[in-house]
Protein backbone atom coordinates (compact mmCIF):
# COMPACT_ATOMS: atom_id res chain seq x y z
CA MET A 1 0.08 -0.04 -0.10
CA THR A 2 1.09 3.53 -0.65
CA ALA A 3 2.16 5.44 2.45
CA TYR A 4 0.55 9.02 2.15
CA PRO A 5 2.64 12.08 3.51
CA PRO A 6 1.11 14.61 5.78
CA VAL A 7 -1.07 17.18 4.23
CA PRO A 8 1.18 20.13 3.15
CA ASP A 9 0.36 23.84 3.40
CA LEU A 10 -2.74 24.52 1.21
CA GLY A 11 -2.94 28.19 1.77
CA ALA A 12 -2.08 29.09 -1.75
CA LEU A 13 -4.64 26.65 -3.21
CA ALA A 14 -7.42 27.85 -0.92
CA GLN A 15 -6.70 31.35 -1.98
CA ARG A 16 -6.87 30.15 -5.72
CA ALA A 17 -10.24 28.65 -4.80
CA LEU A 18 -11.46 31.85 -3.60
CA HIS A 19 -9.92 33.88 -6.45
CA ALA A 20 -11.71 31.61 -8.87
CA CYS A 21 -15.01 32.34 -7.11
CA ALA A 22 -14.35 36.11 -7.71
CA GLU A 23 -13.39 35.55 -11.20
CA LEU A 24 -16.51 33.44 -11.99
CA ALA A 25 -18.75 36.12 -10.14
CA ARG A 26 -17.82 38.49 -13.10
CA LEU A 27 -19.49 36.12 -15.51
CA THR A 28 -23.10 37.19 -15.31
CA GLU A 29 -26.11 37.54 -17.68
CA THR A 30 -27.19 40.69 -15.58
CA PRO A 31 -24.60 43.49 -15.34
CA GLY A 32 -24.03 44.76 -11.77
CA GLU A 33 -25.13 41.43 -10.17
CA ILE A 34 -24.37 37.78 -10.22
CA THR A 35 -26.94 35.92 -12.22
CA ARG A 36 -26.30 32.65 -14.24
CA THR A 37 -29.29 30.75 -15.14
CA PHE A 38 -29.33 27.34 -16.95
CA LEU A 39 -27.36 27.47 -20.30
CA CYS A 40 -27.24 31.38 -20.33
CA PRO A 41 -24.51 32.81 -22.56
CA PRO A 42 -22.02 33.32 -19.69
CA SER A 43 -22.13 29.62 -18.93
CA ARG A 44 -19.72 29.16 -21.90
CA GLU A 45 -17.26 31.44 -20.19
CA VAL A 46 -17.59 29.51 -16.90
CA THR A 47 -16.82 26.26 -18.88
CA ALA A 48 -13.84 27.75 -20.53
CA TYR A 49 -12.39 29.18 -17.17
CA LEU A 50 -12.74 25.88 -15.43
CA SER A 51 -11.46 23.94 -18.52
CA ALA A 52 -8.26 25.87 -18.55
CA TRP A 53 -7.71 25.21 -14.86
CA ALA A 54 -8.43 21.50 -15.41
CA HIS A 55 -5.97 21.35 -18.23
CA ASP A 56 -3.34 22.95 -16.13
CA LEU A 57 -3.92 20.15 -13.60
CA GLY A 58 -3.48 17.52 -16.36
CA LEU A 59 -7.14 16.46 -16.28
CA SER A 60 -9.18 15.33 -19.26
CA VAL A 61 -12.24 17.51 -19.76
CA ARG A 62 -15.75 16.93 -21.42
CA VAL A 63 -19.03 18.68 -21.49
CA ASP A 64 -21.85 16.24 -21.22
CA ALA A 65 -25.19 16.36 -23.07
CA ALA A 66 -26.76 18.29 -20.06
CA GLY A 67 -23.93 20.94 -20.18
CA ASN A 68 -22.11 19.54 -17.02
CA LEU A 69 -18.38 20.12 -17.21
CA ARG A 70 -16.57 16.90 -16.29
CA ALA A 71 -12.87 16.97 -15.37
CA ARG A 72 -11.32 13.60 -14.94
CA ARG A 73 -8.20 11.88 -13.67
CA GLU A 74 -8.23 8.34 -14.59
CA GLY A 75 -7.54 5.52 -12.01
CA PRO A 76 -4.74 2.99 -12.15
CA ALA A 77 -6.94 0.42 -13.96
CA PRO A 78 -9.87 0.46 -16.36
CA ASP A 79 -12.10 -0.95 -13.68
CA SER A 80 -11.02 1.48 -11.01
CA PRO A 81 -13.89 3.05 -9.08
CA THR A 82 -14.35 6.83 -9.22
CA LEU A 83 -14.65 9.40 -6.47
CA TYR A 84 -16.64 12.38 -7.49
CA LEU A 85 -16.16 15.89 -6.09
CA GLY A 86 -17.99 19.12 -7.09
CA SER A 87 -21.20 21.27 -7.03
CA HIS A 88 -23.07 23.57 -9.30
CA VAL A 89 -22.13 26.81 -11.19
CA ASP A 90 -25.60 28.23 -11.92
CA THR A 91 -27.08 30.86 -9.55
CA VAL A 92 -30.23 32.46 -8.34
CA PRO A 93 -30.97 36.08 -9.59
CA ASN A 94 -28.69 38.59 -7.89
CA ALA A 95 -26.84 35.91 -5.94
CA GLY A 96 -23.65 35.74 -3.83
CA ALA A 97 -20.42 34.43 -5.24
CA TYR A 98 -20.00 31.22 -3.16
CA ASP A 99 -23.21 29.15 -3.47
CA GLY A 100 -22.30 26.03 -5.45
CA VAL A 101 -19.29 27.68 -6.97
CA LEU A 102 -16.98 27.38 -3.99
CA GLY A 103 -17.73 23.62 -4.02
CA VAL A 104 -16.56 23.44 -7.59
CA THR A 105 -13.47 25.62 -7.11
CA LEU A 106 -12.51 23.72 -3.90
CA ALA A 107 -12.86 20.40 -5.85
CA TYR A 108 -10.21 21.75 -8.31
CA ALA A 109 -8.08 22.69 -5.34
CA VAL A 110 -8.18 19.29 -3.89
CA ALA A 111 -7.10 17.92 -7.42
CA GLY A 112 -4.31 20.35 -7.34
CA ALA A 113 -3.28 19.29 -3.88
CA LEU A 114 -3.24 15.64 -4.95
CA ARG A 115 -1.79 16.11 -8.33
CA ARG A 116 1.33 14.21 -7.82
CA THR A 117 -0.17 11.77 -5.30
CA PRO A 118 -0.98 8.19 -6.66
CA LEU A 119 -4.55 7.24 -6.07
CA PRO A 120 -6.07 3.81 -6.34
CA PHE A 121 -9.26 5.26 -7.85
CA ALA A 122 -10.27 7.77 -10.52
CA LEU A 123 -11.23 11.36 -9.47
CA GLU A 124 -13.74 13.29 -11.34
CA LEU A 125 -14.65 16.90 -10.78
CA LEU A 126 -18.25 17.92 -11.42
CA ALA A 127 -19.54 21.54 -12.32
CA PHE A 128 -23.20 20.96 -12.68
CA SER A 129 -24.82 23.21 -15.27
CA GLU A 130 -28.06 23.60 -13.27
CA GLU A 131 -29.11 23.09 -9.72
CA GLU A 132 -31.19 26.13 -8.63
CA GLY A 133 -34.33 25.61 -10.63
CA VAL A 134 -34.74 29.21 -11.72
CA ARG A 135 -35.38 28.91 -15.43
CA TYR A 136 -37.53 25.83 -15.37
CA GLY A 137 -39.00 25.80 -11.97
CA VAL A 138 -37.46 22.42 -11.18
CA PRO A 139 -33.94 22.04 -9.99
CA PHE A 140 -31.01 19.51 -10.41
CA ILE A 141 -31.18 19.43 -14.19
CA GLY A 142 -27.37 18.94 -14.19
CA SER A 143 -27.18 16.13 -11.65
CA ARG A 144 -30.35 14.37 -13.03
CA ALA A 145 -28.28 13.64 -16.11
CA LEU A 146 -25.73 11.57 -14.10
CA VAL A 147 -28.57 9.36 -12.74
CA GLY A 148 -30.54 8.96 -15.78
CA THR A 149 -33.65 10.85 -14.91
CA LEU A 150 -33.22 14.15 -16.99
CA ASP A 151 -35.57 12.63 -19.62
CA GLU A 152 -38.50 13.27 -17.16
CA VAL A 153 -38.21 17.13 -17.50
CA LEU A 154 -37.06 17.46 -21.16
CA GLY A 155 -40.39 18.75 -22.30
CA ARG A 156 -40.74 21.39 -19.46
CA GLN A 157 -40.91 25.02 -20.73
CA ASP A 158 -39.47 28.07 -19.46
CA ALA A 159 -41.20 31.50 -19.34
CA GLN A 160 -40.57 32.04 -23.13
CA GLY A 161 -41.88 28.66 -24.13
CA VAL A 162 -38.45 27.08 -24.62
CA SER A 163 -38.41 23.40 -23.57
CA VAL A 164 -35.37 21.93 -21.75
CA ARG A 165 -34.71 19.91 -24.87
CA ALA A 166 -34.87 22.90 -27.21
CA ALA A 167 -32.47 24.84 -24.90
CA LEU A 168 -29.96 21.96 -24.89
CA GLU A 169 -30.10 21.80 -28.64
CA ALA A 170 -29.89 25.59 -29.09
CA TYR A 171 -26.63 25.46 -26.74
CA GLY A 172 -25.19 23.08 -29.17
CA LEU A 173 -25.85 19.88 -27.02
CA ASN A 174 -27.55 16.62 -28.24
CA PRO A 175 -30.27 15.21 -25.89
CA ALA A 176 -29.88 11.96 -27.67
CA GLU A 177 -26.48 11.61 -25.99
CA LEU A 178 -27.82 11.97 -22.41
CA PRO A 179 -27.37 8.22 -21.77
CA ALA A 180 -23.55 8.87 -22.00
CA ALA A 181 -23.72 11.44 -19.23
CA GLU A 182 -24.95 8.66 -16.68
CA VAL A 183 -22.59 7.28 -14.18
CA ARG A 184 -21.11 4.06 -15.48
CA GLY A 185 -19.04 1.59 -13.56
CA PRO A 186 -18.23 1.43 -9.85
CA ALA A 187 -18.64 4.64 -7.91
CA LEU A 188 -16.71 5.22 -4.64
CA GLY A 189 -19.04 8.12 -3.79
CA PHE A 190 -19.70 11.85 -4.18
CA VAL A 191 -18.55 14.55 -1.74
CA GLU A 192 -19.81 18.02 -1.96
CA LEU A 193 -18.45 21.05 -0.22
CA HIS A 194 -20.93 23.88 0.23
CA ILE A 195 -21.56 26.90 2.32
CA GLU A 196 -24.19 26.28 5.10
CA GLN A 197 -26.49 29.17 3.83
CA GLY A 198 -27.81 29.43 7.53
CA PRO A 199 -26.85 30.31 11.07
CA VAL A 200 -26.25 27.13 12.75
CA LEU A 201 -22.54 26.78 12.40
CA GLN A 202 -22.06 30.52 13.16
CA ALA A 203 -24.08 30.15 16.34
CA ALA A 204 -22.01 27.10 17.35
CA GLY A 205 -18.56 28.80 16.72
CA ALA A 206 -17.79 25.87 14.27
CA PRO A 207 -16.06 26.53 10.94
CA LEU A 208 -17.33 23.33 9.42
CA GLY A 209 -20.16 20.84 9.82
CA VAL A 210 -20.99 17.38 8.56
CA VAL A 211 -24.52 17.03 7.08
CA THR A 212 -26.55 14.21 8.33
CA ALA A 213 -29.48 14.36 5.91
CA ILE A 214 -30.99 16.63 3.18
CA ALA A 215 -34.61 17.71 3.98
CA GLY A 216 -37.23 16.48 1.73
CA GLN A 217 -39.21 19.13 -0.23
CA HIS A 218 -42.59 19.66 -1.71
CA ARG A 219 -42.99 22.51 -4.19
CA LEU A 220 -46.45 23.52 -5.46
CA ARG A 221 -48.30 26.16 -7.48
CA LEU A 222 -51.62 27.23 -6.18
CA ASP A 223 -54.00 29.16 -8.49
CA PHE A 224 -57.09 30.81 -6.81
CA ALA A 225 -59.67 31.86 -9.29
CA GLY A 226 -62.46 34.19 -8.19
CA GLN A 227 -64.09 37.12 -9.89
CA ALA A 228 -62.69 40.42 -10.80
CA ALA A 229 -65.24 43.28 -9.91
CA HIS A 230 -65.51 47.01 -9.13
CA ALA A 231 -63.95 47.71 -5.73
CA GLY A 232 -66.42 50.46 -4.85
CA THR A 233 -69.77 48.97 -5.95
CA THR A 234 -69.25 45.20 -4.85
CA PRO A 235 -70.31 44.79 -1.20
CA MET A 236 -68.00 42.71 0.95
CA ALA A 237 -70.64 39.81 1.28
CA HIS A 238 -70.78 39.44 -2.58
CA ARG A 239 -67.11 39.42 -3.37
CA ARG A 240 -65.09 36.41 -4.65
CA ASP A 241 -61.70 37.77 -3.79
CA ALA A 242 -58.95 35.41 -4.99
CA LEU A 243 -56.11 37.38 -3.39
CA ALA A 244 -57.95 37.39 0.06
CA ALA A 245 -58.03 33.72 -0.05
CA ALA A 246 -54.54 33.33 -1.12
CA ALA A 247 -53.34 35.89 1.70
CA ARG A 248 -55.14 33.72 4.32
CA PHE A 249 -53.30 30.77 3.03
CA VAL A 250 -49.87 32.61 3.33
CA VAL A 251 -50.58 33.19 7.06
CA ALA A 252 -51.80 29.66 7.55
CA ALA A 253 -48.61 28.19 6.18
CA GLU A 254 -46.52 30.32 8.51
CA ASP A 255 -48.57 29.44 11.46
CA LEU A 256 -48.26 25.68 10.88
CA ALA A 257 -44.53 25.94 10.25
CA ARG A 258 -44.12 27.97 13.48
CA ALA A 259 -45.90 25.44 15.30
CA THR A 260 -44.14 22.37 13.92
CA PRO A 261 -40.40 21.87 15.08
CA GLY A 262 -38.12 21.64 12.11
CA LEU A 263 -40.73 22.48 9.37
CA VAL A 264 -40.26 25.38 7.13
CA ALA A 265 -42.88 26.76 4.88
CA THR A 266 -42.32 29.50 2.30
CA VAL A 267 -44.66 31.34 -0.11
CA GLY A 268 -42.03 32.89 -2.31
CA VAL A 269 -44.34 34.12 -5.02
CA LEU A 270 -47.68 35.76 -4.62
CA ASN A 271 -49.35 37.87 -7.34
CA ALA A 272 -52.75 38.75 -8.31
CA SER A 273 -54.58 40.04 -11.39
CA PRO A 274 -55.85 42.22 -12.89
CA GLY A 275 -53.64 44.36 -10.54
CA ALA A 276 -55.46 47.62 -10.30
CA ILE A 277 -56.13 49.50 -7.02
CA ASN A 278 -59.86 49.80 -7.69
CA VAL A 279 -60.57 46.21 -8.83
CA ILE A 280 -61.13 43.14 -6.69
CA PRO A 281 -58.51 40.64 -7.79
CA GLY A 282 -60.19 37.90 -9.75
CA ALA A 283 -57.18 35.54 -9.66
CA ALA A 284 -54.20 35.02 -7.54
CA HIS A 285 -51.19 32.79 -7.87
CA ALA A 286 -49.00 31.52 -5.03
CA THR A 287 -46.02 29.04 -4.65
CA LEU A 288 -45.47 26.87 -1.67
CA ASP A 289 -42.03 25.55 -0.64
CA LEU A 290 -42.36 22.98 2.21
CA ARG A 291 -39.39 21.19 3.86
CA HIS A 292 -38.57 18.90 6.71
CA GLU A 293 -35.83 16.19 7.25
CA VAL A 294 -38.56 13.67 8.15
CA ASP A 295 -40.80 12.68 5.36
CA ALA A 296 -43.81 11.72 7.31
CA VAL A 297 -43.90 15.20 9.16
CA ARG A 298 -43.61 16.98 5.81
CA GLU A 299 -46.36 14.87 4.14
CA ALA A 300 -48.70 15.44 7.24
CA ALA A 301 -48.19 19.19 7.09
CA LEU A 302 -48.87 19.30 3.34
CA LYS A 303 -52.09 17.38 3.76
CA THR A 304 -53.11 19.90 6.54
CA LEU A 305 -52.09 22.94 4.48
CA LEU A 306 -54.03 21.81 1.41
CA ALA A 307 -57.03 21.14 3.30
CA GLN A 308 -56.80 24.60 4.71
CA ALA A 309 -56.31 26.14 1.38
CA HIS A 310 -59.42 24.45 -0.22
CA ALA A 311 -61.56 25.53 2.82
CA LEU A 312 -60.27 29.12 2.54
CA ALA A 313 -61.20 29.25 -1.02
CA THR A 314 -64.66 27.76 -0.54
CA GLU A 315 -65.46 30.23 2.22
CA ARG A 316 -64.86 33.13 -0.50
CA GLY A 317 -66.48 31.37 -3.46
CA VAL A 318 -62.99 30.89 -5.01
CA THR A 319 -61.90 27.83 -6.96
CA LEU A 320 -58.44 26.30 -6.14
CA THR A 321 -56.25 24.50 -8.46
CA VAL A 322 -53.00 22.91 -7.06
CA THR A 323 -50.11 21.79 -9.19
CA GLU A 324 -47.27 19.81 -7.74
CA THR A 325 -44.09 20.85 -9.39
CA MET A 326 -41.50 18.81 -7.32
CA THR A 327 -41.55 16.21 -4.61
CA GLN A 328 -38.17 15.16 -3.26
CA PRO A 329 -37.96 12.73 -0.42
CA ALA A 330 -35.54 13.46 2.52
CA VAL A 331 -32.07 11.91 1.81
CA PRO A 332 -29.97 10.59 4.79
CA LEU A 333 -26.29 10.96 3.74
CA ASP A 334 -23.80 7.96 3.75
CA PRO A 335 -22.50 7.06 7.25
CA GLY A 336 -19.24 5.84 5.98
CA LEU A 337 -18.40 9.17 4.18
CA ARG A 338 -19.75 11.16 7.04
CA ALA A 339 -17.39 9.31 9.44
CA ALA A 340 -14.49 9.93 7.16
CA LEU A 341 -15.23 13.63 7.20
CA HIS A 342 -15.50 13.72 10.96
CA ARG A 343 -12.05 11.84 11.20
CA ALA A 344 -10.49 14.27 8.91
CA ALA A 345 -11.73 17.17 10.74
CA ALA A 346 -10.63 15.78 14.00
CA ALA A 347 -7.20 15.33 12.53
CA GLU A 348 -7.13 19.03 11.77
CA GLY A 349 -8.25 19.86 15.47
CA VAL A 350 -11.72 20.95 14.22
CA VAL A 351 -14.94 19.74 15.75
CA ALA A 352 -17.43 19.65 12.93
CA PRO A 353 -20.93 19.16 14.43
CA ASP A 354 -23.67 17.17 12.70
CA LEU A 355 -26.49 19.12 11.20
CA PRO A 356 -29.28 18.65 8.61
CA SER A 357 -29.47 20.63 5.44
CA GLY A 358 -32.85 22.52 4.86
CA ALA A 359 -31.62 23.37 1.37
CA GLY A 360 -31.62 20.83 -1.55
CA HIS A 361 -28.22 19.99 -3.09
CA ASP A 362 -26.98 17.80 -6.01
CA ALA A 363 -25.75 15.29 -3.36
CA MET A 364 -29.39 14.33 -2.80
CA VAL A 365 -29.60 13.30 -6.49
CA LEU A 366 -26.30 11.43 -6.67
CA ALA A 367 -27.28 9.63 -3.51
CA ALA A 368 -29.72 7.45 -5.49
CA ARG A 369 -26.68 6.13 -7.40
CA MET A 370 -23.75 6.13 -4.96
CA PRO A 371 -22.65 7.06 -1.36
CA ALA A 372 -22.96 10.77 -0.97
CA ALA A 373 -21.87 13.20 1.78
CA MET A 374 -21.65 16.87 2.38
CA LEU A 375 -19.22 19.17 4.35
CA PHE A 376 -20.73 22.59 5.23
CA LEU A 377 -18.72 25.66 5.57
CA ARG A 378 -19.85 28.51 8.07
CA SER A 379 -21.68 31.25 6.57
CA PRO A 380 -20.48 34.16 8.59
CA ASN A 381 -23.45 36.61 8.06
CA ALA A 382 -25.96 33.49 7.75
CA LEU A 383 -26.90 34.99 4.29
CA SER A 384 -27.17 33.11 1.06
CA HIS A 385 -29.10 33.73 -2.24
CA HIS A 386 -27.93 37.38 -1.62
CA PRO A 387 -25.08 39.56 -2.75
CA ASP A 388 -23.77 39.80 0.81
CA GLU A 389 -23.15 35.98 1.01
CA THR A 390 -19.68 35.55 2.22
CA VAL A 391 -17.12 33.17 3.79
CA GLU A 392 -14.17 33.30 6.04
CA PRO A 393 -10.81 32.61 4.21
CA GLY A 394 -9.62 30.42 7.23
CA ASP A 395 -12.73 28.31 6.98
CA VAL A 396 -11.97 27.77 3.21
CA GLU A 397 -8.50 26.53 3.92
CA THR A 398 -9.69 24.22 6.80
CA ALA A 399 -12.31 22.80 4.54
CA LEU A 400 -9.76 22.15 1.72
CA ARG A 401 -7.55 20.53 4.15
CA VAL A 402 -10.32 18.29 5.52
CA ALA A 403 -11.28 17.28 2.07
CA VAL A 404 -7.77 16.39 1.04
CA ARG A 405 -7.41 14.32 4.27
CA THR A 406 -10.62 12.54 3.52
CA VAL A 407 -9.64 11.79 -0.04
CA LEU A 408 -6.36 10.29 1.23
CA ALA A 409 -8.03 8.22 3.91
CA LEU A 410 -10.38 6.90 1.32
CA ALA A 411 -7.42 6.01 -0.71
CA GLN A 412 -5.77 4.15 2.06
CA GLU A 413 -8.89 2.35 2.91
CA HIS A 414 -9.51 1.31 -0.66
CA GLY A 415 -5.93 0.33 -1.06
CA ALA A 416 -6.14 -1.79 2.01
CA GLN A 417 -9.34 -3.48 0.69
CA GLU A 418 -7.56 -4.19 -2.59
CA HIS A 419 -4.47 -5.52 -0.79
CA GLY A 420 -6.62 -7.85 1.28
CA ALA A 421 -8.51 -9.16 -1.65
CA ARG A 422 -5.29 -10.01 -3.57
CA GLU A 423 -3.92 -11.85 -0.54
CA HIS A 424 -7.30 -13.76 -0.01
CA GLY A 425 -7.17 -14.56 -3.75
CA ALA A 426 -3.60 -15.79 -3.49
């Protein structure tokens, strides 16, 4: 077995990862802010920037049929398993510089730290083309391609009526080649580094945390249809106010979430038409994002909220149409990889507490195909999906050191297993 040396100083590589985040933040479809939606023109520049870095590291590079950038270092044998590292490079509108992107640049930094270190497995760095769900209302278009489920959303259209399939083709990609994007062969696992996007680690005084599970989600669209009418001549008892019903629902969702430990409920969109000050709203559109790390709790809450929504609509003579846009079960992350992250953190003198993730991540998609784990970095101001999103440079270097130690530990473990198998075979 290979004897791995101590982890060297990684300060320069950590700075390179942060510098890359700043450089990629300049690549935006909206001047003055960071906005990159799925397959927008700046996506090509992101791919070019990361491809150049990958080539500098001696990695092979390809863009798969979903637009994911895949940088790969082959293993010692054709049947070597692959360890995957990475995250996503798309953003929400007016985003910060680190959500997703830092996980990609740190993956490249890990590859740089291990460039001259022999490994008993292949290493593949993933820069997913889409995770946020901004353009099509469904997330994980990039990672779906690796597990063979992207076909399910190819017909979905954006606000301009462009389907996912048509967007891929317009970008120069071939949807018929999606099967080649799927993970083939043995997979050692997927490790995603990501900012926490919340206040837990900051409150605990911890630079890093190990994610136990990713909360399940329901996403829905609720369309309330009433009757537009004159605001001055229609008595209150005769109104069919769609917005009033929707507004009551917003408060009901908040009340239930506040009363249910661990549940979060968000109405992120609420609009009404015709939208005039002297016209009773005849239609209202709302969204619901409901999350909990225990599926049974989330499902019971959804049942309660939908019953309330229908009752509120009926009280006002309003009809309600509910469209489910996404259901994602909660995903417990792999105990073995989580333990490896804990051991690596301890070796760095860091206590990395366990915590669930309320946000969805690509790791939850890849967990259907391979062991998956996540390492969170503290969010100093507890903000994300916001221009003021930030990280501590010292946390970034610590996360990089923990990630490198984890890869080396996995290499030793896998090498020991191979050695044992050979001796047993002999």
